[in-house]
């Protein structure tokens, strides 16, 4: 039961960043993203990842590595100039033209 709760918690934490990351890719803007919040979040996941590595605990390593990568992507996108956001988003989802998707849509 404890392992199942831990697994579900790790899964929920990891998956929670996917909708925000996908929304950024589709809409190509991050105006409503708190850069400070994501900087703190990325730092926290980096520390949890280091802790997991030091303890050799694979559930901590895997879940926090994935969260670190996804939250790091969101932080990076919030820091990039608009032109570079669009270039990254075009690489990840080339079917969406930036002119067709406007902030707030």
N, C-alpha and C. Protein backbone atom coordinates (compact mmCIF):
# COMPACT_ATOMS: atom_id res chain seq x y z
N UNK A 1 0.83 -1.20 0.00
CA UNK A 1 0.00 0.00 0.00
C UNK A 1 0.87 1.27 0.00
N UNK A 2 1.95 1.25 0.78
CA UNK A 2 2.84 2.41 0.85
C UNK A 2 3.50 2.65 -0.51
N UNK A 3 3.96 1.58 -1.14
CA UNK A 3 4.60 1.71 -2.45
C UNK A 3 3.62 2.23 -3.50
N UNK A 4 2.36 1.78 -3.43
CA UNK A 4 1.36 2.23 -4.39
C UNK A 4 1.06 3.72 -4.20
N UNK A 5 0.96 4.17 -2.97
CA UNK A 5 0.73 5.59 -2.70
C UNK A 5 1.91 6.42 -3.20
N UNK A 6 3.13 5.96 -2.95
CA UNK A 6 4.32 6.66 -3.42
C UNK A 6 4.38 6.72 -4.94
N UNK A 7 4.03 5.62 -5.58
CA UNK A 7 4.02 5.57 -7.04
C UNK A 7 2.98 6.52 -7.62
N UNK A 8 1.79 6.52 -7.05
CA UNK A 8 0.73 7.43 -7.52
C UNK A 8 1.12 8.89 -7.29
N UNK A 9 1.74 9.18 -6.16
CA UNK A 9 2.19 10.55 -5.87
C UNK A 9 3.24 11.00 -6.88
N UNK A 10 4.20 10.13 -7.16
CA UNK A 10 5.24 10.45 -8.14
C UNK A 10 4.64 10.64 -9.53
N UNK A 11 3.72 9.78 -9.90
CA UNK A 11 3.06 9.88 -11.20
C UNK A 11 2.27 11.18 -11.33
N UNK A 12 1.51 11.51 -10.29
CA UNK A 12 0.72 12.75 -10.33
C UNK A 12 1.64 13.98 -10.41
N UNK A 13 2.71 13.99 -9.63
CA UNK A 13 3.64 15.12 -9.66
C UNK A 13 4.29 15.27 -11.03
N UNK A 14 4.68 14.15 -11.60
CA UNK A 14 5.36 14.17 -12.89
C UNK A 14 4.42 14.62 -14.00
N UNK A 15 3.25 14.04 -14.04
CA UNK A 15 2.28 14.33 -15.10
C UNK A 15 1.72 15.75 -14.98
N UNK A 16 1.76 16.33 -13.80
CA UNK A 16 1.15 17.65 -13.59
C UNK A 16 1.77 18.75 -14.44
N UNK A 17 3.01 18.58 -14.87
CA UNK A 17 3.66 19.62 -15.68
C UNK A 17 3.35 19.48 -17.16
N UNK A 18 2.91 18.33 -17.59
CA UNK A 18 2.65 18.10 -19.02
C UNK A 18 1.61 19.05 -19.62
N UNK A 19 0.46 19.29 -18.96
CA UNK A 19 -0.51 20.21 -19.57
C UNK A 19 0.03 21.63 -19.77
N UNK A 20 0.81 22.12 -18.81
CA UNK A 20 1.37 23.47 -18.94
C UNK A 20 2.40 23.51 -20.07
N UNK A 21 3.26 22.51 -20.12
CA UNK A 21 4.27 22.47 -21.18
C UNK A 21 3.61 22.38 -22.56
N UNK A 22 2.60 21.54 -22.68
CA UNK A 22 1.91 21.39 -23.97
C UNK A 22 1.18 22.68 -24.36
N UNK A 23 0.59 23.35 -23.38
CA UNK A 23 -0.09 24.62 -23.66
C UNK A 23 0.91 25.66 -24.18
N UNK A 24 2.10 25.69 -23.61
CA UNK A 24 3.12 26.62 -24.08
C UNK A 24 3.52 26.28 -25.51
N UNK A 25 3.69 25.01 -25.80
CA UNK A 25 4.05 24.60 -27.16
C UNK A 25 2.96 24.99 -28.14
N UNK A 26 1.71 24.76 -27.80
CA UNK A 26 0.60 25.05 -28.70
C UNK A 26 0.36 26.55 -28.86
N UNK A 27 0.40 27.28 -27.76
CA UNK A 27 0.05 28.71 -27.81
C UNK A 27 1.25 29.63 -28.03
N UNK A 28 2.43 29.13 -27.72
CA UNK A 28 3.68 29.86 -27.96
C UNK A 28 3.80 31.16 -27.17
N UNK A 29 3.23 31.17 -25.98
CA UNK A 29 3.42 32.33 -25.11
C UNK A 29 3.43 31.88 -23.65
N UNK A 30 4.10 32.69 -22.84
CA UNK A 30 4.26 32.36 -21.42
C UNK A 30 3.98 33.57 -20.53
N UNK A 31 3.18 34.49 -21.03
CA UNK A 31 2.93 35.73 -20.29
C UNK A 31 2.38 35.49 -18.89
N UNK A 32 1.60 34.45 -18.72
CA UNK A 32 0.95 34.20 -17.44
C UNK A 32 1.76 33.27 -16.52
N UNK A 33 2.96 32.92 -16.92
CA UNK A 33 3.80 32.01 -16.13
C UNK A 33 4.62 32.82 -15.14
N UNK A 34 4.66 32.38 -13.90
CA UNK A 34 5.51 33.00 -12.89
C UNK A 34 6.92 32.44 -13.00
N UNK A 35 7.83 33.24 -13.53
CA UNK A 35 9.21 32.80 -13.69
C UNK A 35 9.84 32.50 -12.34
N UNK A 36 9.57 33.32 -11.35
CA UNK A 36 10.14 33.09 -10.02
C UNK A 36 9.66 31.76 -9.44
N UNK A 37 8.38 31.47 -9.60
CA UNK A 37 7.83 30.21 -9.08
C UNK A 37 8.51 29.02 -9.76
N UNK A 38 8.67 29.08 -11.08
CA UNK A 38 9.31 27.97 -11.78
C UNK A 38 10.79 27.88 -11.46
N UNK A 39 11.46 28.99 -11.21
CA UNK A 39 12.87 28.94 -10.81
C UNK A 39 13.01 28.20 -9.47
N UNK A 40 12.11 28.50 -8.54
CA UNK A 40 12.12 27.81 -7.25
C UNK A 40 11.77 26.34 -7.42
N UNK A 41 10.78 26.05 -8.24
CA UNK A 41 10.37 24.67 -8.48
C UNK A 41 11.49 23.85 -9.11
N UNK A 42 12.15 24.41 -10.12
CA UNK A 42 13.26 23.70 -10.77
C UNK A 42 14.39 23.46 -9.76
N UNK A 43 14.67 24.45 -8.95
CA UNK A 43 15.69 24.28 -7.91
C UNK A 43 15.31 23.16 -6.95
N UNK A 44 14.06 23.14 -6.52
CA UNK A 44 13.59 22.08 -5.62
C UNK A 44 13.71 20.71 -6.24
N UNK A 45 13.29 20.56 -7.50
CA UNK A 45 13.41 19.26 -8.16
C UNK A 45 14.87 18.87 -8.36
N UNK A 46 15.72 19.85 -8.64
CA UNK A 46 17.15 19.56 -8.77
C UNK A 46 17.72 19.04 -7.46
N UNK A 47 17.31 19.65 -6.36
CA UNK A 47 17.78 19.19 -5.05
C UNK A 47 17.23 17.81 -4.70
N UNK A 48 15.95 17.57 -4.99
CA UNK A 48 15.37 16.24 -4.76
C UNK A 48 16.06 15.20 -5.62
N UNK A 49 16.40 15.56 -6.85
CA UNK A 49 17.12 14.65 -7.73
C UNK A 49 18.49 14.31 -7.15
N UNK A 50 19.20 15.33 -6.69
CA UNK A 50 20.52 15.10 -6.07
C UNK A 50 20.38 14.21 -4.84
N UNK A 51 19.37 14.47 -4.04
CA UNK A 51 19.11 13.66 -2.84
C UNK A 51 18.86 12.20 -3.23
N UNK A 52 18.03 11.99 -4.24
CA UNK A 52 17.74 10.63 -4.70
C UNK A 52 18.98 9.94 -5.22
N UNK A 53 19.82 10.68 -5.95
CA UNK A 53 21.06 10.09 -6.47
C UNK A 53 21.99 9.71 -5.31
N UNK A 54 22.13 10.62 -4.35
CA UNK A 54 23.00 10.34 -3.21
C UNK A 54 22.53 9.14 -2.39
N UNK A 55 21.23 8.97 -2.30
CA UNK A 55 20.67 7.84 -1.55
C UNK A 55 20.53 6.58 -2.41
N UNK A 56 20.69 6.74 -3.73
CA UNK A 56 20.55 5.61 -4.62
C UNK A 56 19.12 5.09 -4.71
N UNK A 57 18.15 5.98 -4.58
CA UNK A 57 16.74 5.59 -4.59
C UNK A 57 16.13 5.93 -5.95
N UNK A 58 15.96 4.89 -6.77
CA UNK A 58 15.49 5.07 -8.14
C UNK A 58 14.12 5.72 -8.26
N UNK A 59 13.16 5.45 -7.40
CA UNK A 59 11.88 6.16 -7.53
C UNK A 59 12.05 7.69 -7.39
N UNK A 60 12.89 8.12 -6.47
CA UNK A 60 13.16 9.56 -6.33
C UNK A 60 13.92 10.09 -7.55
N UNK A 61 14.87 9.32 -8.02
CA UNK A 61 15.69 9.77 -9.16
C UNK A 61 14.82 9.93 -10.41
N UNK A 62 14.05 8.92 -10.74
CA UNK A 62 13.26 8.94 -11.98
C UNK A 62 12.19 10.03 -11.94
N UNK A 63 11.39 10.04 -10.89
CA UNK A 63 10.29 11.02 -10.83
C UNK A 63 10.80 12.45 -10.77
N UNK A 64 11.85 12.69 -9.99
CA UNK A 64 12.36 14.06 -9.90
C UNK A 64 13.15 14.47 -11.12
N UNK A 65 13.78 13.53 -11.81
CA UNK A 65 14.46 13.86 -13.07
C UNK A 65 13.43 14.30 -14.11
N UNK A 66 12.32 13.57 -14.20
CA UNK A 66 11.27 13.94 -15.16
C UNK A 66 10.64 15.29 -14.79
N UNK A 67 10.36 15.49 -13.52
CA UNK A 67 9.79 16.79 -13.08
C UNK A 67 10.78 17.92 -13.32
N UNK A 68 12.06 17.67 -13.06
CA UNK A 68 13.11 18.67 -13.29
C UNK A 68 13.14 19.06 -14.76
N UNK A 69 13.08 18.06 -15.65
CA UNK A 69 13.13 18.34 -17.09
C UNK A 69 11.91 19.12 -17.56
N UNK A 70 10.73 18.70 -17.13
CA UNK A 70 9.52 19.39 -17.60
C UNK A 70 9.40 20.79 -17.01
N UNK A 71 9.65 20.95 -15.72
CA UNK A 71 9.56 22.28 -15.13
C UNK A 71 10.70 23.16 -15.65
N UNK A 72 11.87 22.54 -15.93
CA UNK A 72 12.97 23.29 -16.53
C UNK A 72 12.62 23.78 -17.93
N UNK A 73 11.92 22.95 -18.69
CA UNK A 73 11.46 23.36 -20.02
C UNK A 73 10.53 24.57 -19.91
N UNK A 74 9.60 24.51 -18.97
CA UNK A 74 8.65 25.62 -18.79
C UNK A 74 9.40 26.89 -18.38
N UNK A 75 10.36 26.75 -17.45
CA UNK A 75 11.15 27.91 -17.03
C UNK A 75 11.94 28.47 -18.21
N UNK A 76 12.60 27.61 -18.96
CA UNK A 76 13.37 28.05 -20.12
C UNK A 76 12.48 28.79 -21.11
N UNK A 77 11.32 28.23 -21.41
CA UNK A 77 10.41 28.89 -22.36
C UNK A 77 9.95 30.24 -21.84
N UNK A 78 9.79 30.38 -20.53
CA UNK A 78 9.36 31.67 -19.99
C UNK A 78 10.47 32.71 -20.07
N UNK A 79 11.71 32.27 -20.15
CA UNK A 79 12.84 33.20 -20.22
C UNK A 79 13.26 33.55 -21.65
N UNK A 80 12.90 32.71 -22.61
CA UNK A 80 13.31 32.94 -24.00
C UNK A 80 12.55 34.11 -24.62
N UNK A 81 13.21 34.84 -25.53
CA UNK A 81 12.49 35.84 -26.32
C UNK A 81 11.45 35.15 -27.21
N UNK A 82 10.42 35.87 -27.60
CA UNK A 82 9.30 35.29 -28.35
C UNK A 82 9.75 34.53 -29.59
N UNK A 83 10.67 35.08 -30.34
CA UNK A 83 11.12 34.42 -31.57
C UNK A 83 11.70 33.05 -31.27
N UNK A 84 12.48 32.94 -30.21
CA UNK A 84 13.07 31.64 -29.87
C UNK A 84 12.02 30.69 -29.30
N UNK A 85 11.03 31.21 -28.58
CA UNK A 85 9.92 30.35 -28.12
C UNK A 85 9.24 29.70 -29.31
N UNK A 86 8.99 30.51 -30.32
CA UNK A 86 8.32 29.99 -31.51
C UNK A 86 9.17 28.96 -32.24
N UNK A 87 10.48 29.18 -32.29
CA UNK A 87 11.38 28.21 -32.94
C UNK A 87 11.36 26.87 -32.19
N UNK A 88 11.42 26.92 -30.87
CA UNK A 88 11.39 25.69 -30.07
C UNK A 88 10.05 25.00 -30.25
N UNK A 89 8.96 25.76 -30.15
CA UNK A 89 7.63 25.19 -30.30
C UNK A 89 7.44 24.60 -31.70
N UNK A 90 7.97 25.27 -32.71
CA UNK A 90 7.87 24.75 -34.09
C UNK A 90 8.61 23.42 -34.23
N UNK A 91 9.74 23.28 -33.54
CA UNK A 91 10.47 22.01 -33.58
C UNK A 91 9.65 20.89 -32.94
N UNK A 92 8.96 21.21 -31.84
CA UNK A 92 8.23 20.20 -31.09
C UNK A 92 6.85 19.92 -31.67
N UNK A 93 6.24 20.92 -32.30
CA UNK A 93 4.91 20.76 -32.89
C UNK A 93 4.82 21.62 -34.15
N UNK A 94 5.38 21.15 -35.25
CA UNK A 94 5.43 21.97 -36.46
C UNK A 94 4.09 22.21 -37.14
N UNK A 95 3.03 21.52 -36.72
CA UNK A 95 1.73 21.67 -37.37
C UNK A 95 1.00 22.95 -36.98
N UNK A 96 1.44 23.62 -35.92
CA UNK A 96 0.75 24.82 -35.46
C UNK A 96 1.55 26.04 -35.90
N UNK A 97 0.92 26.86 -36.74
CA UNK A 97 1.55 28.10 -37.16
C UNK A 97 1.28 29.16 -36.10
N UNK A 98 2.30 29.92 -35.68
CA UNK A 98 2.10 30.91 -34.64
C UNK A 98 1.03 31.94 -34.97
N UNK A 99 0.83 32.27 -36.23
CA UNK A 99 -0.16 33.25 -36.60
C UNK A 99 -1.59 32.77 -36.33
N UNK A 100 -1.80 31.43 -36.29
CA UNK A 100 -3.14 30.89 -36.07
C UNK A 100 -3.50 30.82 -34.60
N UNK A 101 -2.52 30.84 -33.73
CA UNK A 101 -2.78 30.70 -32.31
C UNK A 101 -2.39 31.99 -31.62
N UNK A 102 -3.34 32.62 -30.96
CA UNK A 102 -3.10 33.88 -30.29
C UNK A 102 -3.26 33.71 -28.79
N UNK A 103 -2.50 34.49 -27.98
CA UNK A 103 -2.68 34.40 -26.53
C UNK A 103 -4.14 34.63 -26.15
N UNK A 104 -4.60 33.82 -25.22
CA UNK A 104 -5.98 33.96 -24.76
C UNK A 104 -6.96 33.09 -25.51
N UNK A 105 -6.54 32.50 -26.63
CA UNK A 105 -7.45 31.63 -27.40
C UNK A 105 -7.62 30.30 -26.70
